[in-house]
Amino acid sequence: MPVLPGVTRVTSLTVLGVILTTGLSASDHVCDVITKSAQTLYALRVLRAKGMPDEALQVVFRSVIVGKLLYASCAWSGLGFVSHTDRKRVDAFLQRSKRCGFCPPDLSRFDEPLEDAHSTLFRKINADSRHVLHQLYHHFRRPHRTIVCVIELISSACRTTQDALSIVTLLLGPRSRVIINSS
């Protein structure tokens, strides 16, 4: 029996193109994006057959497919939502695309553009005092005591210590590892 009459309970929901699940896993989203990206590879094959050079195909690949993979990644890739298996699945897709000549050779693993996206986001938050997260970001950068409270809060919400450490390092920067190790 549903909690509210006329409201159906679901296990996943698509919000702004990102699939959210009740288990807080990004597996469904990663599978969906890889499926759609694999379909896009067909279009790249057609473009190659029509005579488009490999360099241009790689630009299209980076713009369209890597763009799909990175869309809202700061939201769905953090907090341990992406399993090691999901990361390997994306890396395998990139390797297959590289063998076909679509993926640029300089894109070796999915973690690299993902880290770039996170760094860009936090740099923009830090630089723009009008950004909605600016005050929160600077609150996290304050004294040791606040950081310890944040670490405890994040640790209680994460599945593993490594997930918590990754999130804290991502939010507070590399110097937070020193604080974490000393507390």
Protein backbone atom coordinates (compact mmCIF):
# COMPACT_ATOMS: atom_id res chain seq x y z
CA MET A 1 0.00 0.00 0.00
CA PRO A 2 1.44 3.38 -0.99
CA VAL A 3 2.14 5.92 1.73
CA LEU A 4 0.11 8.50 -0.18
CA PRO A 5 -2.93 7.45 -2.21
CA GLY A 6 -2.32 7.81 -5.93
CA VAL A 7 1.47 8.11 -5.51
CA THR A 8 3.51 5.23 -6.85
CA ARG A 9 6.76 4.31 -5.11
CA VAL A 10 9.72 4.06 -7.50
CA THR A 11 13.28 2.80 -7.11
CA SER A 12 14.82 5.35 -9.46
CA LEU A 13 14.07 8.85 -10.64
CA THR A 14 15.58 10.91 -13.44
CA VAL A 15 16.24 14.49 -12.38
CA LEU A 16 17.78 16.85 -14.95
CA GLY A 17 19.13 13.87 -16.87
CA VAL A 18 20.75 12.16 -13.87
CA ILE A 19 19.29 8.87 -12.66
CA LEU A 20 18.98 8.79 -8.87
CA THR A 21 18.26 5.49 -7.11
CA THR A 22 17.00 4.65 -3.66
CA GLY A 23 20.32 2.98 -2.90
CA LEU A 24 22.29 6.15 -3.77
CA SER A 25 24.16 4.32 -6.50
CA ALA A 26 25.18 5.82 -9.82
CA SER A 27 25.25 2.42 -11.57
CA ASP A 28 21.95 2.96 -13.39
CA HIS A 29 23.08 6.41 -14.52
CA VAL A 30 26.49 5.15 -15.69
CA CYS A 31 24.88 2.28 -17.64
CA ASP A 32 22.39 4.68 -19.24
CA VAL A 33 25.10 7.16 -20.25
CA ILE A 34 27.33 4.42 -21.67
CA THR A 35 24.39 2.99 -23.66
CA LYS A 36 23.57 6.41 -25.12
CA SER A 37 27.25 7.06 -25.81
CA ALA A 38 27.59 3.71 -27.59
CA GLN A 39 24.69 4.75 -29.82
CA THR A 40 26.53 7.99 -30.59
CA LEU A 41 29.54 5.94 -31.73
CA TYR A 42 27.40 4.73 -34.62
CA ALA A 43 26.97 8.34 -35.76
CA LEU A 44 30.75 8.77 -35.56
CA ARG A 45 31.20 5.67 -37.74
CA VAL A 46 28.84 7.19 -40.31
CA LEU A 47 30.80 10.45 -40.22
CA ARG A 48 34.05 8.51 -40.73
CA ALA A 49 32.52 6.65 -43.69
CA LYS A 50 31.56 10.04 -45.17
CA GLY A 51 35.21 11.11 -45.01
CA MET A 52 35.53 13.04 -41.77
CA PRO A 53 39.19 12.98 -40.57
CA ASP A 54 40.10 11.26 -37.29
CA GLU A 55 41.14 14.55 -35.63
CA ALA A 56 37.68 15.99 -36.25
CA LEU A 57 36.02 12.78 -35.03
CA GLN A 58 38.04 13.03 -31.81
CA VAL A 59 36.87 16.63 -31.31
CA VAL A 60 33.26 15.48 -31.77
CA PHE A 61 33.88 12.55 -29.39
CA ARG A 62 35.32 14.83 -26.70
CA SER A 63 32.51 17.37 -27.14
CA VAL A 64 29.56 14.99 -27.29
CA ILE A 65 30.47 11.76 -25.51
CA VAL A 66 32.86 13.06 -22.87
CA GLY A 67 30.37 15.87 -22.34
CA LYS A 68 27.63 13.29 -21.68
CA LEU A 69 29.88 11.37 -19.30
CA LEU A 70 30.77 14.52 -17.35
CA TYR A 71 27.30 16.10 -17.28
CA ALA A 72 26.47 16.81 -13.62
CA SER A 73 29.35 14.54 -12.60
CA CYS A 74 30.11 16.65 -9.55
CA ALA A 75 26.70 15.62 -8.22
CA TRP A 76 26.63 11.92 -9.09
CA SER A 77 30.30 10.92 -8.87
CA GLY A 78 30.94 12.00 -5.31
CA LEU A 79 30.03 10.44 -1.99
CA GLY A 80 30.91 6.94 -3.15
CA PHE A 81 27.93 6.83 -5.55
CA VAL A 82 30.18 5.50 -8.32
CA SER A 83 31.55 2.05 -7.62
CA HIS A 84 34.92 0.79 -8.76
CA THR A 85 33.04 -1.42 -11.24
CA ASP A 86 31.28 1.62 -12.73
CA ARG A 87 34.59 3.45 -13.14
CA LYS A 88 36.08 0.38 -14.82
CA ARG A 89 33.04 0.19 -17.11
CA VAL A 90 33.55 3.80 -18.24
CA ASP A 91 37.30 3.23 -18.67
CA ALA A 92 36.59 0.12 -20.78
CA PHE A 93 34.20 2.15 -22.95
CA LEU A 94 36.89 4.80 -23.43
CA GLN A 95 39.46 2.13 -24.34
CA ARG A 96 37.10 0.60 -26.92
CA SER A 97 36.49 4.07 -28.35
CA LYS A 98 40.24 4.69 -28.46
CA ARG A 99 40.81 1.44 -30.39
CA CYS A 100 38.22 2.63 -32.91
CA GLY A 101 40.10 5.93 -33.21
CA PHE A 102 37.32 8.08 -31.75
CA CYS A 103 38.66 8.75 -28.28
CA PRO A 104 41.67 11.11 -28.19
CA PRO A 105 44.90 9.37 -27.12
CA ASP A 106 45.48 11.85 -24.27
CA LEU A 107 42.31 10.72 -22.48
CA SER A 108 43.54 7.66 -20.63
CA ARG A 109 41.13 7.22 -17.70
CA PHE A 110 37.76 8.65 -16.73
CA ASP A 111 39.12 9.87 -13.39
CA GLU A 112 41.22 12.56 -15.11
CA PRO A 113 38.39 14.61 -16.69
CA LEU A 114 36.30 13.93 -13.59
CA GLU A 115 38.95 15.47 -11.33
CA ASP A 116 39.27 18.40 -13.74
CA ALA A 117 35.50 18.98 -13.55
CA HIS A 118 35.58 18.93 -9.74
CA SER A 119 38.56 21.31 -9.62
CA THR A 120 36.87 23.70 -12.05
CA LEU A 121 33.66 23.71 -10.01
CA PHE A 122 35.43 24.42 -6.72
CA ARG A 123 37.64 27.07 -8.33
CA LYS A 124 34.51 28.83 -9.64
CA ILE A 125 32.77 28.59 -6.26
CA ASN A 126 35.83 30.04 -4.55
CA ALA A 127 36.26 32.88 -7.08
CA ASP A 128 32.63 34.04 -7.26
CA SER A 129 31.36 35.57 -4.03
CA ARG A 130 27.81 35.55 -5.49
CA HIS A 131 27.85 31.77 -6.08
CA VAL A 132 25.19 30.06 -3.98
CA LEU A 133 27.81 27.71 -2.44
CA HIS A 134 30.52 30.37 -1.87
CA GLN A 135 29.75 31.02 1.81
CA LEU A 136 29.39 27.32 2.54
CA TYR A 137 32.69 26.59 0.79
CA HIS A 138 34.50 29.20 2.88
CA HIS A 139 32.80 27.94 6.03
CA PHE A 140 34.46 24.59 5.38
CA ARG A 141 37.84 26.27 4.97
CA ARG A 142 37.73 27.80 8.47
CA PRO A 143 39.24 26.60 11.73
CA HIS A 144 40.28 23.10 12.64
CA ARG A 145 37.26 22.62 14.89
CA THR A 146 34.76 23.16 12.07
CA ILE A 147 36.72 20.79 9.87
CA VAL A 148 36.65 18.04 12.51
CA CYS A 149 32.86 18.42 12.83
CA VAL A 150 32.47 18.24 9.07
CA ILE A 151 34.70 15.17 8.91
CA GLU A 152 32.61 13.45 11.58
CA LEU A 153 29.36 14.35 9.78
CA ILE A 154 30.65 13.11 6.42
CA SER A 155 32.11 9.95 7.95
CA SER A 156 28.78 9.04 9.47
CA ALA A 157 27.06 9.43 6.07
CA CYS A 158 29.60 7.45 4.04
CA ARG A 159 29.83 3.74 3.43
CA THR A 160 33.60 3.51 3.94
CA THR A 161 36.39 5.54 5.48
CA GLN A 162 37.97 5.91 2.03
CA ASP A 163 34.76 7.49 0.68
CA ALA A 164 34.73 9.94 3.58
CA LEU A 165 38.40 10.76 3.08
CA SER A 166 37.84 11.35 -0.64
CA ILE A 167 34.93 13.71 0.00
CA VAL A 168 36.73 15.67 2.69
CA THR A 169 39.83 16.00 0.52
CA LEU A 170 37.67 17.10 -2.39
CA LEU A 171 35.84 19.71 -0.30
CA LEU A 172 38.69 21.02 1.79
CA GLY A 173 41.69 20.47 -0.43
CA PRO A 174 44.83 18.36 -0.02
CA ARG A 175 45.88 20.04 3.22
CA SER A 176 42.86 18.44 4.93
CA ARG A 177 44.64 15.07 4.85
CA VAL A 178 47.10 16.42 7.42
CA ILE A 179 44.23 17.49 9.68
CA ILE A 180 42.41 14.18 9.21
CA ASN A 181 45.51 12.16 10.01
CA SER A 182 46.19 14.22 13.17
CA SER A 183 42.63 13.99 14.55
